[in-house]
Amino acid sequence: MSVQAQASAAAPLHFNNRRDLPLHRLPFIGPVRGRTQFSFWAVPRTGGYAGGNDAGRGLARIYLKYLKQHGRPEGLGALQWIVLDMIGPPAASVLTPEQAALRGQVVGFFSELDAWLEVAACNLEGGLDAQSDKALLALVNAGLHSDERCGEGES
């Protein structure tokens, strides 16, 4: 299936406000085919490079707003799990020693960044509240479907 066909088939992302945990309400966390647990990056790989960049920027701001509002419960952030689900392989895979080392490095690196991002999101005036969640989600969904608008689908 071409990227353009995937974009047409991809449903827009939305907040999942009925979920119990605030983290699980974020639009990029949810079920994906072939996994029994939620993915921390359940985002269609559509929109091309520019659309993906727009989608990623919007989702990053949504995550920063989440950190500002909810912090990192029990000191545990999600940035490392987001990155791991972006790059794969799935946690259930048998990892080579090199993959296991990289996975540990990713978790350590992004866990540390997550702690600093929480402090920054809560204490710095960065305009996080300037855009509503609805406006950010519109940016994300426009990015994910940008190939449809431009007619530049990849095969």
C-alpha atoms as a PDB file:
ATOM      1  CA  MET A   1       0.000   0.000   0.000  1.00  0.00           C
ATOM      2  CA  SER A   2       1.422   3.388  -0.959  1.00  0.00           C
ATOM      3  CA  VAL A   3       1.938   6.101   1.637  1.00  0.00           C
ATOM      4  CA  GLN A   4      -0.844   8.097  -0.027  1.00  0.00           C
ATOM      5  CA  ALA A   5      -3.244   5.157   0.310  1.00  0.00           C
ATOM      6  CA  GLN A   6      -2.174   4.780   3.959  1.00  0.00           C
ATOM      7  CA  ALA A   7      -2.869   8.477   4.551  1.00  0.00           C
ATOM      8  CA  SER A   8      -6.332   8.094   3.084  1.00  0.00           C
ATOM      9  CA  ALA A   9      -6.992   5.098   5.302  1.00  0.00           C
ATOM     10  CA  ALA A  10      -5.519   6.663   8.459  1.00  0.00           C
ATOM     11  CA  ALA A  11      -8.067   7.982  10.913  1.00  0.00           C
ATOM     12  CA  PRO A  12      -7.295  11.389  12.418  1.00  0.00           C
ATOM     13  CA  LEU A  13      -5.646  11.319  15.828  1.00  0.00           C
ATOM     14  CA  HIS A  14      -7.753  12.405  18.792  1.00  0.00           C
ATOM     15  CA  PHE A  15      -7.493  12.702  22.559  1.00  0.00           C
ATOM     16  CA  ASN A  16      -8.726   9.578  24.345  1.00  0.00           C
ATOM     17  CA  ASN A  17     -10.442  11.302  27.263  1.00  0.00           C
ATOM     18  CA  ARG A  18     -12.199   8.179  28.548  1.00  0.00           C
ATOM     19  CA  ARG A  19      -8.961   6.419  29.501  1.00  0.00           C
ATOM     20  CA  ASP A  20      -8.130   6.257  33.202  1.00  0.00           C
ATOM     21  CA  LEU A  21      -4.505   7.422  33.088  1.00  0.00           C
ATOM     22  CA  PRO A  22      -3.866  10.965  31.840  1.00  0.00           C
ATOM     23  CA  LEU A  23      -0.802   9.716  29.934  1.00  0.00           C
ATOM     24  CA  HIS A  24      -2.920   7.215  28.017  1.00  0.00           C
ATOM     25  CA  ARG A  25      -5.273  10.023  26.946  1.00  0.00           C
ATOM     26  CA  LEU A  26      -2.605  11.565  24.715  1.00  0.00           C
ATOM     27  CA  PRO A  27      -3.450  11.218  21.015  1.00  0.00           C
ATOM     28  CA  PHE A  28      -0.250   9.373  20.117  1.00  0.00           C
ATOM     29  CA  ILE A  29      -0.612   6.619  22.737  1.00  0.00           C
ATOM     30  CA  GLY A  30      -2.887   3.732  21.926  1.00  0.00           C
ATOM     31  CA  PRO A  31      -3.362   0.284  20.504  1.00  0.00           C
ATOM     32  CA  VAL A  32      -1.534  -0.889  17.403  1.00  0.00           C
ATOM     33  CA  ARG A  33      -1.939  -4.061  15.427  1.00  0.00           C
ATOM     34  CA  GLY A  34       0.207  -6.934  16.615  1.00  0.00           C
ATOM     35  CA  ARG A  35       0.719  -5.664  20.181  1.00  0.00           C
ATOM     36  CA  THR A  36      -1.113  -6.533  23.354  1.00  0.00           C
ATOM     37  CA  GLN A  37       0.004  -3.366  25.180  1.00  0.00           C
ATOM     38  CA  PHE A  38      -0.443   0.248  24.128  1.00  0.00           C
ATOM     39  CA  SER A  39       2.179   1.733  21.876  1.00  0.00           C
ATOM     40  CA  PHE A  40       3.639   5.041  23.000  1.00  0.00           C
ATOM     41  CA  TRP A  41       3.835   6.056  19.325  1.00  0.00           C
ATOM     42  CA  ALA A  42       0.608   4.969  17.642  1.00  0.00           C
ATOM     43  CA  VAL A  43       0.929   7.535  14.861  1.00  0.00           C
ATOM     44  CA  PRO A  44       0.396   6.723  11.180  1.00  0.00           C
ATOM     45  CA  ARG A  45       3.573   7.030   9.131  1.00  0.00           C
ATOM     46  CA  THR A  46       1.991   9.347   6.611  1.00  0.00           C
ATOM     47  CA  GLY A  47       2.294  12.920   5.423  1.00  0.00           C
ATOM     48  CA  GLY A  48       5.790  12.809   3.960  1.00  0.00           C
ATOM     49  CA  TYR A  49       8.787  14.511   5.547  1.00  0.00           C
ATOM     50  CA  ALA A  50       7.278  18.000   5.852  1.00  0.00           C
ATOM     51  CA  GLY A  51       3.921  16.728   7.097  1.00  0.00           C
ATOM     52  CA  GLY A  52       5.677  14.394   9.516  1.00  0.00           C
ATOM     53  CA  ASN A  53       7.697  17.315  10.823  1.00  0.00           C
ATOM     54  CA  ASP A  54       4.511  19.326  11.442  1.00  0.00           C
ATOM     55  CA  ALA A  55       2.865  16.334  13.124  1.00  0.00           C
ATOM     56  CA  GLY A  56       5.918  15.694  15.302  1.00  0.00           C
ATOM     57  CA  ARG A  57       6.148  19.346  16.398  1.00  0.00           C
ATOM     58  CA  GLY A  58       2.468  19.420  17.320  1.00  0.00           C
ATOM     59  CA  LEU A  59       2.672  16.146  19.237  1.00  0.00           C
ATOM     60  CA  ALA A  60       5.789  17.355  21.072  1.00  0.00           C
ATOM     61  CA  ARG A  61       3.912  20.465  22.256  1.00  0.00           C
ATOM     62  CA  ILE A  62       0.997  18.282  23.350  1.00  0.00           C
ATOM     63  CA  TYR A  63       3.439  16.146  25.374  1.00  0.00           C
ATOM     64  CA  LEU A  64       5.036  19.250  26.931  1.00  0.00           C
ATOM     65  CA  LYS A  65       1.587  20.529  27.930  1.00  0.00           C
ATOM     66  CA  TYR A  66       0.898  17.110  29.471  1.00  0.00           C
ATOM     67  CA  LEU A  67       4.143  17.385  31.483  1.00  0.00           C
ATOM     68  CA  LYS A  68       3.174  20.866  32.651  1.00  0.00           C
ATOM     69  CA  GLN A  69      -0.305  19.736  33.750  1.00  0.00           C
ATOM     70  CA  HIS A  70       0.453  16.280  35.145  1.00  0.00           C
ATOM     71  CA  GLY A  71       4.198  16.040  35.685  1.00  0.00           C
ATOM     72  CA  ARG A  72       5.839  12.638  35.739  1.00  0.00           C
ATOM     73  CA  PRO A  73       3.843  10.429  38.108  1.00  0.00           C
ATOM     74  CA  GLU A  74       6.176   8.718  40.562  1.00  0.00           C
ATOM     75  CA  GLY A  75       9.098  10.350  38.744  1.00  0.00           C
ATOM     76  CA  LEU A  76       8.541   8.181  35.685  1.00  0.00           C
ATOM     77  CA  GLY A  77       8.320   9.948  32.368  1.00  0.00           C
ATOM     78  CA  ALA A  78       7.277   8.503  29.042  1.00  0.00           C
ATOM     79  CA  LEU A  79       9.744  10.126  26.639  1.00  0.00           C
ATOM     80  CA  GLN A  80      11.994   7.060  26.579  1.00  0.00           C
ATOM     81  CA  TRP A  81       9.051   4.783  25.747  1.00  0.00           C
ATOM     82  CA  ILE A  82       7.875   7.179  23.048  1.00  0.00           C
ATOM     83  CA  VAL A  83      11.296   7.111  21.382  1.00  0.00           C
ATOM     84  CA  LEU A  84      11.603   3.335  21.691  1.00  0.00           C
ATOM     85  CA  ASP A  85       8.238   2.855  20.016  1.00  0.00           C
ATOM     86  CA  MET A  86       9.223   5.329  17.294  1.00  0.00           C
ATOM     87  CA  ILE A  87      12.380   3.439  16.375  1.00  0.00           C
ATOM     88  CA  GLY A  88      11.527  -0.188  17.324  1.00  0.00           C
ATOM     89  CA  PRO A  89      12.122  -3.059  17.561  1.00  0.00           C
ATOM     90  CA  PRO A  90       9.201  -4.002  19.817  1.00  0.00           C
ATOM     91  CA  ALA A  91      10.057  -4.719  23.441  1.00  0.00           C
ATOM     92  CA  ALA A  92       8.983  -8.353  23.039  1.00  0.00           C
ATOM     93  CA  SER A  93      11.594  -8.949  20.309  1.00  0.00           C
ATOM     94  CA  VAL A  94      14.731 -10.911  21.001  1.00  0.00           C
ATOM     95  CA  LEU A  95      17.433  -8.268  21.028  1.00  0.00           C
ATOM     96  CA  THR A  96      21.064  -8.606  20.040  1.00  0.00           C
ATOM     97  CA  PRO A  97      23.529  -7.378  22.682  1.00  0.00           C
ATOM     98  CA  GLU A  98      24.029  -4.215  20.598  1.00  0.00           C
ATOM     99  CA  GLN A  99      20.267  -3.588  20.396  1.00  0.00           C
ATOM    100  CA  ALA A 100      19.923  -4.162  24.147  1.00  0.00           C
ATOM    101  CA  ALA A 101      22.757  -1.688  24.790  1.00  0.00           C
ATOM    102  CA  LEU A 102      21.160   0.905  22.494  1.00  0.00           C
ATOM    103  CA  ARG A 103      17.801   0.368  24.191  1.00  0.00           C
ATOM    104  CA  GLY A 104      19.409   1.010  27.597  1.00  0.00           C
ATOM    105  CA  GLN A 105      21.133   4.115  26.257  1.00  0.00           C
ATOM    106  CA  VAL A 106      17.853   5.434  24.816  1.00  0.00           C
ATOM    107  CA  VAL A 107      16.018   4.834  28.091  1.00  0.00           C
ATOM    108  CA  GLY A 108      18.723   6.498  30.183  1.00  0.00           C
ATOM    109  CA  PHE A 109      19.178   9.448  27.822  1.00  0.00           C
ATOM    110  CA  PHE A 110      15.511  10.253  27.329  1.00  0.00           C
ATOM    111  CA  SER A 111      14.572   9.564  30.961  1.00  0.00           C
ATOM    112  CA  GLU A 112      17.043  12.243  31.990  1.00  0.00           C
ATOM    113  CA  LEU A 113      15.774  14.665  29.335  1.00  0.00           C
ATOM    114  CA  ASP A 114      12.203  13.979  30.456  1.00  0.00           C
ATOM    115  CA  ALA A 115      13.017  15.070  34.019  1.00  0.00           C
ATOM    116  CA  TRP A 116      14.495  18.357  32.777  1.00  0.00           C
ATOM    117  CA  LEU A 117      11.637  18.914  30.313  1.00  0.00           C
ATOM    118  CA  GLU A 118       9.126  18.592  33.143  1.00  0.00           C
ATOM    119  CA  VAL A 119      10.876  21.335  35.120  1.00  0.00           C
ATOM    120  CA  ALA A 120      11.160  23.547  32.036  1.00  0.00           C
ATOM    121  CA  ALA A 121       7.528  23.047  31.007  1.00  0.00           C
ATOM    122  CA  CYS A 122       6.332  23.961  34.494  1.00  0.00           C
ATOM    123  CA  ASN A 123       8.599  26.940  35.117  1.00  0.00           C
ATOM    124  CA  LEU A 124       9.436  28.631  31.829  1.00  0.00           C
ATOM    125  CA  GLU A 125       7.232  30.958  29.862  1.00  0.00           C
ATOM    126  CA  GLY A 126       7.363  29.256  26.502  1.00  0.00           C
ATOM    127  CA  GLY A 127       3.887  29.851  25.206  1.00  0.00           C
ATOM    128  CA  LEU A 128       2.691  26.300  25.801  1.00  0.00           C
ATOM    129  CA  ASP A 129      -0.734  27.602  26.713  1.00  0.00           C
ATOM    130  CA  ALA A 130      -0.939  29.887  23.672  1.00  0.00           C
ATOM    131  CA  GLN A 131      -2.326  27.090  21.487  1.00  0.00           C
ATOM    132  CA  SER A 132      -5.257  24.963  22.529  1.00  0.00           C
ATOM    133  CA  ASP A 133      -5.078  21.184  22.403  1.00  0.00           C
ATOM    134  CA  LYS A 134      -7.641  21.357  19.594  1.00  0.00           C
ATOM    135  CA  ALA A 135      -5.437  23.695  17.525  1.00  0.00           C
ATOM    136  CA  LEU A 136      -2.367  21.526  18.086  1.00  0.00           C
ATOM    137  CA  LEU A 137      -4.281  18.401  17.099  1.00  0.00           C
ATOM    138  CA  ALA A 138      -5.465  20.158  13.922  1.00  0.00           C
ATOM    139  CA  LEU A 139      -1.793  20.873  13.069  1.00  0.00           C
ATOM    140  CA  VAL A 140      -0.923  17.220  13.694  1.00  0.00           C
ATOM    141  CA  ASN A 141      -3.738  15.819  11.569  1.00  0.00           C
ATOM    142  CA  ALA A 142      -3.031  18.293   8.755  1.00  0.00           C
ATOM    143  CA  GLY A 143       0.576  17.109   8.745  1.00  0.00           C
ATOM    144  CA  LEU A 144      -0.404  13.449   8.689  1.00  0.00           C
ATOM    145  CA  HIS A 145      -2.595  14.065   5.663  1.00  0.00           C
ATOM    146  CA  SER A 146      -0.360  16.530   3.784  1.00  0.00           C
ATOM    147  CA  ASP A 147       0.410  14.017   1.007  1.00  0.00           C
ATOM    148  CA  GLU A 148      -3.301  13.943   0.216  1.00  0.00           C
ATOM    149  CA  ARG A 149      -3.416  17.725  -0.209  1.00  0.00           C
ATOM    150  CA  CYS A 150      -0.252  17.919  -2.291  1.00  0.00           C
ATOM    151  CA  GLY A 151      -0.780  14.754  -4.316  1.00  0.00           C
ATOM    152  CA  GLU A 152       2.799  13.640  -3.627  1.00  0.00           C
ATOM    153  CA  GLY A 153       2.331  10.086  -2.426  1.00  0.00           C
ATOM    154  CA  GLU A 154       5.312   7.756  -2.363  1.00  0.00           C
ATOM    155  CA  SER A 155       5.028   4.269  -3.757  1.00  0.00           C
END
